Protein backbone atom coordinates (compact mmCIF):
# COMPACT_ATOMS: atom_id res chain seq x y z
CA MET A 1 98.06 76.05 92.13
CA LYS A 2 98.62 73.40 94.73
CA ASP A 3 99.63 74.59 98.18
CA ILE A 4 102.78 73.15 99.36
CA SER A 5 103.55 75.65 101.92
CA ARG A 6 105.72 74.91 105.04
CA ASN A 7 106.99 77.02 107.99
CA LEU A 8 110.65 77.32 106.89
CA THR A 9 111.43 80.26 109.44
CA MET A 10 114.05 78.08 111.11
CA LEU A 11 115.95 77.36 107.76
CA PHE A 12 119.01 79.53 108.70
CA ASP A 13 122.52 79.17 109.91
CA PHE A 14 122.66 78.76 113.76
CA TYR A 15 124.89 81.79 113.99
CA GLU A 16 122.06 84.00 112.76
CA LEU A 17 120.37 83.10 116.14
CA THR A 18 123.46 83.60 118.23
CA MET A 19 124.23 86.98 116.47
CA GLY A 20 120.50 87.94 116.69
CA ASN A 21 120.46 87.16 120.45
CA GLY A 22 123.73 89.11 120.83
CA TYR A 23 122.24 92.15 119.03
CA PHE A 24 119.08 91.82 121.15
CA GLU A 25 120.99 91.68 124.50
CA LYS A 26 123.21 94.75 123.58
CA GLY A 27 120.45 96.90 122.46
CA MET A 28 121.56 96.64 118.80
CA GLY A 29 118.59 94.55 117.39
CA ASP A 30 116.77 97.71 116.00
CA LYS A 31 119.81 99.27 114.31
CA ILE A 32 119.14 99.69 110.62
CA VAL A 33 121.66 97.91 108.27
CA TYR A 34 121.98 97.43 104.54
CA PHE A 35 123.03 94.02 103.02
CA ASP A 36 123.77 93.14 99.47
CA LEU A 37 123.35 89.60 98.01
CA PHE A 38 125.60 89.29 94.93
CA TYR A 39 127.91 86.57 93.27
CA ARG A 40 131.48 86.77 92.27
CA ASP A 41 131.90 84.60 89.10
CA ASN A 42 129.70 83.23 86.40
CA PRO A 43 129.11 79.57 86.24
CA ASP A 44 131.09 77.40 83.72
CA HIS A 45 133.40 80.37 83.08
CA GLY A 46 130.58 81.84 81.05
CA GLY A 47 129.74 85.43 80.32
CA TYR A 48 126.40 85.89 82.18
CA ALA A 49 123.94 84.42 84.55
CA ILE A 50 120.23 84.24 84.96
CA ALA A 51 118.54 85.68 88.15
CA ALA A 52 115.98 83.29 89.59
CA GLY A 53 114.36 82.38 93.06
CA LEU A 54 112.82 85.71 94.01
CA GLU A 55 109.27 84.26 94.29
CA GLN A 56 110.20 81.72 96.79
CA ILE A 57 111.89 84.46 98.90
CA VAL A 58 108.94 86.58 98.94
CA GLU A 59 106.75 83.79 99.98
CA TYR A 60 109.20 82.90 102.78
CA ILE A 61 109.40 86.49 104.11
CA ASN A 62 105.69 86.79 103.97
CA GLY A 63 105.38 83.73 106.15
CA LEU A 64 108.10 84.36 108.68
CA LYS A 65 106.93 83.25 112.20
CA PHE A 66 108.33 81.33 115.03
CA ASP A 67 105.82 78.61 116.24
CA ASP A 68 105.82 77.00 119.72
CA ASP A 69 107.92 74.11 118.63
CA ASP A 70 110.72 76.44 117.47
CA ILE A 71 110.74 78.41 120.64
CA GLU A 72 110.88 75.23 122.70
CA TYR A 73 113.77 74.10 120.46
CA LEU A 74 115.58 77.23 120.97
CA ARG A 75 115.04 77.19 124.81
CA SER A 76 116.46 73.73 124.80
CA LYS A 77 119.83 74.84 123.56
CA LYS A 78 120.27 76.99 126.72
CA LEU A 79 121.87 79.85 124.92
CA PHE A 80 119.17 82.39 124.45
CA SER A 81 117.65 84.72 126.94
CA GLU A 82 113.95 84.45 127.69
CA LYS A 83 113.45 88.13 126.66
CA PHE A 84 114.85 87.14 123.20
CA LEU A 85 112.61 84.10 122.97
CA ALA A 86 109.62 86.29 123.90
CA TYR A 87 110.72 88.72 121.12
CA LEU A 88 110.82 85.83 118.69
CA ARG A 89 107.14 84.95 119.30
CA THR A 90 105.91 88.14 117.69
CA PHE A 91 108.76 88.38 115.14
CA ARG A 92 107.81 89.73 111.71
CA PHE A 93 109.91 91.13 108.87
CA THR A 94 109.45 94.94 108.86
CA GLY A 95 112.22 96.11 106.52
CA ASP A 96 112.75 97.07 102.81
CA ILE A 97 113.95 94.94 99.99
CA TRP A 98 114.95 95.78 96.32
CA ALA A 99 115.65 92.88 93.92
CA VAL A 100 116.51 92.32 90.32
CA PRO A 101 113.37 90.72 88.73
CA GLU A 102 113.55 87.03 87.99
CA GLY A 103 114.61 86.10 84.45
CA THR A 104 117.00 89.06 84.22
CA VAL A 105 120.64 88.54 82.91
CA VAL A 106 122.95 89.59 85.65
CA PHE A 107 126.70 89.86 86.14
CA PRO A 108 129.29 89.32 88.85
CA GLY A 109 129.70 91.97 91.59
CA GLU A 110 126.38 93.71 91.29
CA PRO A 111 123.70 93.49 93.90
CA LEU A 112 120.92 91.03 92.99
CA ILE A 113 119.08 91.82 96.28
CA THR A 114 119.60 94.70 98.67
CA VAL A 115 118.01 94.48 102.19
CA ARG A 116 117.43 97.37 104.46
CA ALA A 117 116.09 96.32 107.83
CA ARG A 118 116.69 95.89 111.52
CA ALA A 119 119.94 93.96 112.15
CA ILE A 120 118.21 90.86 113.53
CA GLU A 121 115.71 90.75 110.61
CA ALA A 122 118.43 91.24 108.01
CA GLN A 123 120.42 88.46 109.43
CA PHE A 124 117.58 86.02 109.81
CA ILE A 125 116.71 86.00 106.15
CA GLU A 126 120.30 85.54 104.84
CA THR A 127 120.43 81.62 104.57
CA TYR A 128 117.12 81.10 102.81
CA MET A 129 117.68 84.00 100.25
CA LEU A 130 121.10 82.56 99.40
CA CYS A 131 119.71 79.05 99.20
CA MET A 132 117.01 80.13 96.81
CA ILE A 133 119.03 82.59 94.61
CA ASN A 134 122.21 80.16 94.58
CA HIS A 135 120.30 77.16 93.36
CA GLN A 136 117.70 78.51 90.96
CA SER A 137 120.01 80.98 89.32
CA LEU A 138 122.48 78.21 88.84
CA ILE A 139 119.95 75.95 87.14
CA ALA A 140 118.37 78.72 85.18
CA THR A 141 121.79 79.81 83.86
CA LYS A 142 122.63 76.15 82.95
CA ALA A 143 119.44 75.75 81.17
CA SER A 144 119.93 78.89 79.21
CA ARG A 145 123.22 77.69 77.99
CA ILE A 146 121.82 74.23 76.92
CA VAL A 147 118.73 75.88 75.16
CA ARG A 148 121.14 78.06 73.29
CA ALA A 149 123.25 75.10 72.21
CA ALA A 150 120.11 73.38 70.90
CA ALA A 151 119.71 76.30 68.42
CA GLY A 152 115.92 76.46 68.46
CA ARG A 153 115.10 72.83 69.02
CA PRO A 154 113.02 72.25 72.17
CA VAL A 155 114.69 70.91 75.31
CA SER A 156 112.89 69.08 78.08
CA GLU A 157 114.14 68.87 81.57
CA PHE A 158 114.55 65.02 82.51
CA GLY A 159 116.42 65.40 85.88
CA SER A 160 114.12 64.70 88.85
CA ARG A 161 115.57 61.24 89.55
CA ARG A 162 119.03 62.71 89.65
CA ALA A 163 118.27 65.92 91.59
CA GLN A 164 119.63 66.34 95.22
CA GLY A 165 116.12 66.03 96.83
CA ALA A 166 112.55 66.74 96.19
CA ASP A 167 112.80 70.56 96.31
CA ALA A 168 115.79 70.53 94.06
CA ALA A 169 113.69 68.50 91.60
CA MET A 170 110.81 70.81 91.70
CA LEU A 171 112.43 74.18 91.86
CA GLY A 172 115.20 73.08 89.43
CA ALA A 173 112.35 72.39 86.92
CA ARG A 174 111.05 75.94 87.64
CA ALA A 175 114.35 77.44 87.18
CA ALA A 176 115.04 75.50 84.00
CA TYR A 177 111.91 76.71 82.47
CA ILE A 178 112.73 80.31 83.21
CA GLY A 179 116.02 79.56 81.38
CA GLY A 180 114.22 78.38 78.44
CA VAL A 181 113.38 74.73 78.51
CA ALA A 182 110.01 73.84 76.89
CA SER A 183 108.94 71.24 79.43
CA THR A 184 109.74 69.06 82.33
CA ALA A 185 109.45 65.25 83.21
CA CYS A 186 108.54 66.30 86.79
CA ALA A 187 104.75 66.21 87.05
CA ILE A 188 104.45 68.07 90.42
CA SER A 189 106.33 71.03 88.93
CA ASP A 190 103.55 71.36 86.51
CA GLU A 191 100.82 70.91 89.21
CA VAL A 192 102.55 73.41 91.60
CA TYR A 193 104.47 75.89 89.35
CA GLY A 194 102.94 75.42 85.90
CA VAL A 195 105.94 74.09 84.22
CA PRO A 196 104.54 72.15 81.29
CA ALA A 197 105.07 68.46 81.95
CA SER A 198 105.59 65.79 79.26
CA GLY A 199 106.77 62.23 78.85
CA THR A 200 105.98 59.04 76.97
CA MET A 201 107.63 55.60 77.97
CA ALA A 202 110.54 54.07 79.56
CA HIS A 203 112.37 50.89 78.57
CA SER A 204 110.31 48.97 81.02
CA TRP A 205 107.10 49.55 78.87
CA VAL A 206 108.92 47.85 75.98
CA GLN A 207 110.04 45.01 78.21
CA MET A 208 106.68 44.35 79.70
CA PHE A 209 105.35 43.09 76.26
CA ASP A 210 106.11 39.79 74.43
CA SER A 211 107.60 41.81 71.57
CA GLU A 212 108.95 45.29 70.83
CA TYR A 213 106.45 45.69 67.99
CA GLU A 214 103.47 44.81 70.31
CA ALA A 215 104.80 47.41 72.90
CA PHE A 216 104.87 50.15 70.17
CA ARG A 217 101.61 49.05 68.62
CA THR A 218 99.79 49.22 71.94
CA TYR A 219 101.27 52.62 72.73
CA CYS A 220 100.19 54.10 69.51
CA GLU A 221 96.68 52.66 70.12
CA VAL A 222 96.43 54.25 73.59
CA TYR A 223 98.22 57.70 72.66
CA PRO A 224 97.64 58.25 68.96
CA HIS A 225 98.25 61.92 69.22
CA SER A 226 101.48 61.79 71.22
CA SER A 227 103.29 58.63 70.23
CA THR A 228 106.90 58.98 70.81
CA LEU A 229 108.59 55.50 70.97
CA LEU A 230 111.69 54.66 72.79
CA VAL A 231 113.62 52.66 70.14
CA ASP A 232 116.95 51.61 71.80
CA THR A 233 115.79 48.79 74.23
CA TYR A 234 117.16 46.23 71.95
CA ASN A 235 118.65 47.36 68.86
CA VAL A 236 118.06 50.84 67.39
CA LEU A 237 118.65 50.20 63.70
CA LYS A 238 117.75 46.49 63.32
CA SER A 239 114.43 46.37 65.37
CA GLY A 240 113.64 49.55 67.12
CA ILE A 241 113.15 51.80 64.14
CA PRO A 242 111.73 49.19 61.78
CA ASN A 243 109.14 48.17 64.51
CA ALA A 244 108.36 51.93 65.16
CA ILE A 245 107.84 52.47 61.48
CA ARG A 246 105.39 49.38 61.24
CA ALA A 247 103.50 50.73 64.38
CA PHE A 248 103.16 54.12 62.93
CA LYS A 249 101.98 52.79 59.50
CA GLU A 250 99.59 50.29 60.94
CA VAL A 251 97.96 52.43 63.61
CA LEU A 252 98.50 56.04 63.00
CA ILE A 253 98.62 56.50 59.25
CA PRO A 254 94.97 54.94 58.68
CA LYS A 255 93.68 57.51 61.09
CA GLY A 256 95.42 60.39 59.16
CA ILE A 257 97.95 61.01 61.86
CA THR A 258 101.42 61.82 60.65
CA LYS A 259 102.88 63.55 63.67
CA CYS A 260 104.87 61.02 65.79
CA GLY A 261 108.23 60.64 67.20
CA ILE A 262 111.08 58.23 68.20
CA ARG A 263 113.53 58.62 71.19
CA ILE A 264 117.12 57.39 71.38
CA ASP A 265 118.77 57.13 74.86
CA SER A 266 122.01 55.53 74.05
CA GLY A 267 124.69 54.76 71.47
CA ASP A 268 126.41 56.91 68.89
CA VAL A 269 123.82 59.47 68.58
CA THR A 270 125.21 61.38 65.62
CA TYR A 271 125.57 58.20 63.58
CA LEU A 272 122.18 56.63 64.75
CA THR A 273 120.20 59.82 64.06
CA LYS A 274 121.55 60.16 60.52
CA LYS A 275 120.56 56.61 59.84
CA ALA A 276 117.11 56.87 61.66
CA ARG A 277 116.26 60.16 59.52
CA ARG A 278 117.01 58.25 56.36
CA MET A 279 114.89 55.16 57.38
CA LEU A 280 112.00 57.37 58.48
CA ASP A 281 112.04 59.41 55.33
CA ASP A 282 112.29 56.37 53.20
CA ALA A 283 109.14 55.17 54.84
CA GLY A 284 107.48 58.42 54.04
CA LEU A 285 107.35 59.58 57.84
CA TYR A 286 108.76 63.00 57.11
CA GLU A 287 107.03 64.50 60.17
CA CYS A 288 108.29 61.91 62.54
CA LYS A 289 110.56 63.64 65.12
CA ILE A 290 113.83 62.45 66.42
CA VAL A 291 114.24 63.02 70.22
CA ILE A 292 117.62 62.38 72.08
CA SER A 293 118.37 61.95 75.76
CA ASN A 294 121.15 60.47 77.91
CA SER A 295 123.66 62.58 79.88
CA LEU A 296 123.64 65.63 77.59
CA ASP A 297 124.88 69.18 78.21
CA GLU A 298 125.39 72.13 76.05
CA TYR A 299 128.91 70.97 74.75
CA LEU A 300 127.57 67.54 73.65
CA ILE A 301 124.64 69.04 72.04
CA ARG A 302 126.63 71.58 70.27
CA GLU A 303 129.13 68.92 68.89
CA MET A 304 126.43 66.54 67.91
CA LEU A 305 124.72 69.18 65.84
CA GLN A 306 127.99 70.43 64.30
CA GLN A 307 128.55 66.74 63.21
CA GLY A 308 125.32 66.73 61.37
CA ALA A 309 123.25 64.71 63.84
CA GLN A 310 119.48 64.78 62.70
CA ILE A 311 117.89 65.79 66.12
CA ASP A 312 114.51 67.60 66.49
CA ALA A 313 114.43 67.85 70.35
CA PHE A 314 116.37 66.91 73.35
CA GLY A 315 115.73 65.53 76.82
CA VAL A 316 118.53 66.78 79.35
CA GLY A 317 118.69 65.29 82.83
CA GLU A 318 121.39 64.92 85.39
CA ARG A 319 123.84 67.47 83.82
CA LEU A 320 121.27 70.23 83.89
CA ILE A 321 119.29 69.63 87.12
CA THR A 322 122.62 69.29 89.15
CA ALA A 323 124.65 71.78 86.91
CA LYS A 324 127.24 69.09 86.89
CA SER A 325 129.98 70.98 85.27
CA ASP A 326 130.06 73.83 87.87
CA PRO A 327 127.59 73.07 90.67
CA VAL A 328 128.03 76.05 92.89
CA PHE A 329 126.82 79.53 92.10
CA GLY A 330 128.46 81.18 94.96
CA ALA A 331 126.23 84.15 95.83
CA VAL A 332 127.20 85.83 99.21
CA TYR A 333 125.41 88.25 101.44
CA LYS A 334 127.55 91.11 102.83
CA LEU A 335 127.03 94.15 105.05
CA ALA A 336 127.25 97.29 102.89
CA ALA A 337 126.03 100.10 105.33
CA VAL A 338 124.37 101.01 108.57
CA GLU A 339 122.22 104.05 109.74
CA ASP A 340 123.14 106.17 112.49
CA ASP A 341 120.72 107.60 115.05
CA ASN A 342 119.97 110.52 112.68
CA GLY A 343 119.20 108.33 109.64
CA LYS A 344 122.49 108.93 107.95
CA VAL A 345 123.70 106.03 105.94
CA ILE A 346 127.31 105.12 106.88
CA PRO A 347 129.06 102.95 104.36
CA LYS A 348 130.83 99.67 105.50
CA ILE A 349 133.43 97.65 103.60
CA LYS A 350 135.05 94.25 104.09
CA VAL A 351 138.71 94.26 103.25
CA SER A 352 140.55 91.09 102.36
CA GLU A 353 143.95 89.92 101.23
CA ASN A 354 142.11 88.49 98.29
CA PRO A 355 141.04 91.38 96.07
CA GLY A 356 137.99 89.43 94.82
CA LYS A 357 136.66 89.41 98.18
CA ILE A 358 136.75 93.12 98.86
CA THR A 359 133.17 94.37 98.96
CA THR A 360 131.76 97.58 97.48
CA PRO A 361 130.42 99.75 100.30
CA HIS A 362 127.27 101.75 100.76
CA PHE A 363 123.60 101.55 99.84
CA LYS A 364 123.66 101.29 96.17
CA LYS A 365 121.56 101.00 93.00
CA THR A 366 122.53 99.71 89.45
CA TYR A 367 121.81 101.04 86.05
CA ARG A 368 121.84 99.03 82.86
CA LEU A 369 123.17 101.23 80.02
CA TYR A 370 121.73 100.52 76.47
CA SER A 371 122.96 102.00 73.14
CA ASN A 372 119.91 103.51 71.44
CA GLU A 373 121.39 102.68 68.06
CA SER A 374 121.88 98.78 68.62
CA ALA A 375 119.35 98.40 71.56
CA LYS A 376 121.91 96.25 73.28
CA ALA A 377 123.20 96.45 76.88
CA GLU A 378 126.69 98.02 76.92
CA ALA A 379 127.65 98.04 80.61
CA ASP A 380 126.01 98.07 84.08
CA LEU A 381 126.79 101.07 86.31
CA VAL A 382 126.73 100.56 90.12
CA CYS A 383 126.01 103.90 91.89
CA ILE A 384 125.54 105.30 95.45
CA TYR A 385 121.78 105.32 96.21
CA ASP A 386 121.38 109.07 95.77
CA GLU A 387 123.06 109.39 92.35
CA HIS A 388 121.04 109.79 89.19
CA ILE A 389 122.02 109.52 85.58
CA ASP A 390 120.98 112.20 83.25
CA ILE A 391 120.70 110.63 79.91
CA THR A 392 120.58 114.04 77.97
CA ASN A 393 124.45 114.41 78.90
CA PRO A 394 127.31 112.31 77.89
CA LEU A 395 128.30 109.75 80.54
CA GLU A 396 131.94 108.61 81.00
CA ILE A 397 132.32 105.06 82.42
CA PHE A 398 135.57 103.22 83.26
CA ASP A 399 136.93 99.83 84.19
CA PRO A 400 137.02 99.85 88.10
CA GLU A 401 140.20 97.89 88.06
CA TYR A 402 141.95 99.25 85.01
CA THR A 403 140.81 102.87 85.31
CA TRP A 404 142.61 104.04 82.25
CA LYS A 405 139.99 102.03 80.19
CA ARG A 406 137.30 104.61 79.76
CA ARG A 407 134.40 105.14 77.41
CA THR A 408 131.95 107.95 76.85
CA MET A 409 128.34 106.92 76.40
CA GLU A 410 126.09 109.18 74.17
CA ASP A 411 122.66 108.41 72.68
CA TYR A 412 122.02 105.86 75.39
CA THR A 413 119.27 104.70 77.80
CA ALA A 414 119.71 103.98 81.52
CA ASN A 415 117.41 101.72 83.31
CA GLU A 416 117.48 100.80 87.01
CA LEU A 417 118.00 97.12 87.41
CA MET A 418 116.36 96.59 90.74
CA VAL A 419 112.66 97.00 91.79
CA GLN A 420 111.39 97.49 95.27
CA VAL A 421 109.71 94.23 96.56
CA PHE A 422 109.09 95.09 100.17
CA ARG A 423 108.42 98.42 101.96
CA GLY A 424 108.15 98.54 105.66
CA GLY A 425 107.53 94.80 105.66
CA LYS A 426 104.71 94.87 103.19
CA GLN A 427 104.93 93.30 99.67
CA VAL A 428 104.78 96.02 97.14
CA TYR A 429 105.85 94.03 94.16
CA LYS A 430 103.30 92.00 92.13
CA LEU A 431 104.99 88.73 91.34
CA PRO A 432 104.88 87.82 87.64
CA ASN A 433 103.73 84.46 86.56
CA LEU A 434 106.24 81.90 85.34
CA ASP A 435 105.60 82.58 81.62
CA GLU A 436 106.15 86.32 82.10
CA ILE A 437 109.46 85.55 83.90
CA ARG A 438 110.43 83.16 81.24
CA ASP A 439 109.59 85.93 78.62
CA ARG A 440 111.70 88.50 80.44
CA CYS A 441 114.55 86.03 80.37
CA LYS A 442 114.20 85.58 76.59
CA ALA A 443 114.09 89.50 76.10
CA SER A 444 116.92 90.10 78.54
CA LEU A 445 119.10 87.56 76.61
CA GLY A 446 118.17 89.41 73.33
CA SER A 447 119.60 92.66 74.63
CA ILE A 448 123.05 91.09 75.33
CA TRP A 449 125.67 90.94 72.59
CA GLU A 450 126.46 87.35 71.26
CA GLU A 451 130.03 87.87 72.17
CA VAL A 452 128.99 88.01 75.92
CA LEU A 453 126.79 84.78 75.52
CA ARG A 454 129.28 82.50 73.83
CA PHE A 455 130.47 79.43 75.88
CA GLU A 456 134.31 79.77 75.56
CA ASN A 457 136.18 82.97 76.03
CA PRO A 458 133.15 85.19 76.36
CA HIS A 459 133.54 89.00 75.99
CA ASN A 460 133.74 90.56 79.47
CA TYR A 461 130.61 92.53 80.20
CA TYR A 462 131.57 95.46 82.24
CA VAL A 463 130.02 96.05 85.63
CA ASP A 464 131.39 99.55 86.40
CA LEU A 465 131.30 101.85 89.49
CA SER A 466 130.36 105.40 89.39
CA GLU A 467 133.24 107.82 89.87
CA LYS A 468 131.71 108.72 93.36
CA LEU A 469 131.43 105.20 94.40
CA TRP A 470 134.83 104.05 93.12
CA GLN A 471 136.54 106.84 95.08
CA LEU A 472 134.61 106.07 98.19
CA LYS A 473 135.61 102.43 97.94
CA HIS A 474 139.29 103.12 97.41
CA ASP A 475 139.33 105.84 100.20
CA MET A 476 138.02 103.23 102.59
CA ILE A 477 140.49 100.56 101.59
CA ASN A 478 143.43 103.06 101.93
CA GLU A 479 141.98 104.01 105.31
CA TYR A 480 142.05 100.62 106.65
CA ARG A 481 145.53 99.97 105.18
CA ASN A 482 146.88 103.01 107.20
CA LYS A 483 145.35 101.87 110.49
């Protein structure tokens, strides 16, 4: 794998530094704190999201270190003490991190990452973690929706030239692959991350030749086993497809090659693909695939297929790589607890006039509850860290907002959602390869009811709180109200 490592230690919000210096000066820098990273709403008003971005976080934390240029820059700001700058010279992350593995289906309100660390360490890693989770989870979720709309037809990610920068293009392709796309047009994402790269020609190839036919014939001669011809440079039905058929018959068929393809990048796709399929079949090119691109998303793909469009594969660009319809994932990083001098965990809560911004306190863990009969996930249960579920006994769960909505789980399995990634600053989790992450995503989606996965008005998947955690949260809210 190509090494594109950079020292990104300073990729944090400036207030992480001012708070860190303040903690250091007041003797609070070594205080143990707990932070949760979670999100509040699913993209596109959907029913789920896909967790992605953990691998880059692990690499970042393993490489955390302030170099001489960083120290000199901070000294130039004339805000930070020399003792603090000396502390930064030997800074390393020494805490614990738990995270939901990449590729897991996740839901609003539950921790995706929990950090237990010294206060300065926990603050320093906030921005980078949010940057990675917010971007890659957003793109992985959008890709999952688009792939589901394609109903088994392969989707290629075509968005590099529309992405907001190089990292967005590269990591966006990685995230899209986790979400289910088959390939990317971004060559460096193949070289660096192993996302399969594919591509054929642009309109400029066709324009470079004296005739469309000559362009098609030449391409078939150079790439006989991967000939997909772009047929909409001039006129799809009058010249593009007839010239493609001629090139296939004159170059490929004599060599015994019957697998080929055409791509349409403009026009009334539903109409054009129906006509194209008939023309190709009439020419005996039954194995010729029809690929469609041009500003597609899950809604357009679904509508075209419902209208009978004859499409074998899709290339999806700007609306995938930018998640154009809902381009902000919205994960946040909030303090949940601190430890006192005796190691006791003291829960902390953020109270807001906006009920959706009230945090859930304490050091927590999350169980995913599966019905043994259906093998489907029924709910997630967020608990205080020292709670355990005994699956031999019935379990009553309830809606945290409408507490009268209750259900008793029997014949069920309870799996912890997060794994430990760092212990005492050392990585203890073996990162899976990209195909393993992609397989996890597919399996995780397979465990979710279709009603939760639908695009419009999805069924609400419940993220419940244990009785103990729910009571603690509401006791703390009432305590602050009465102050």
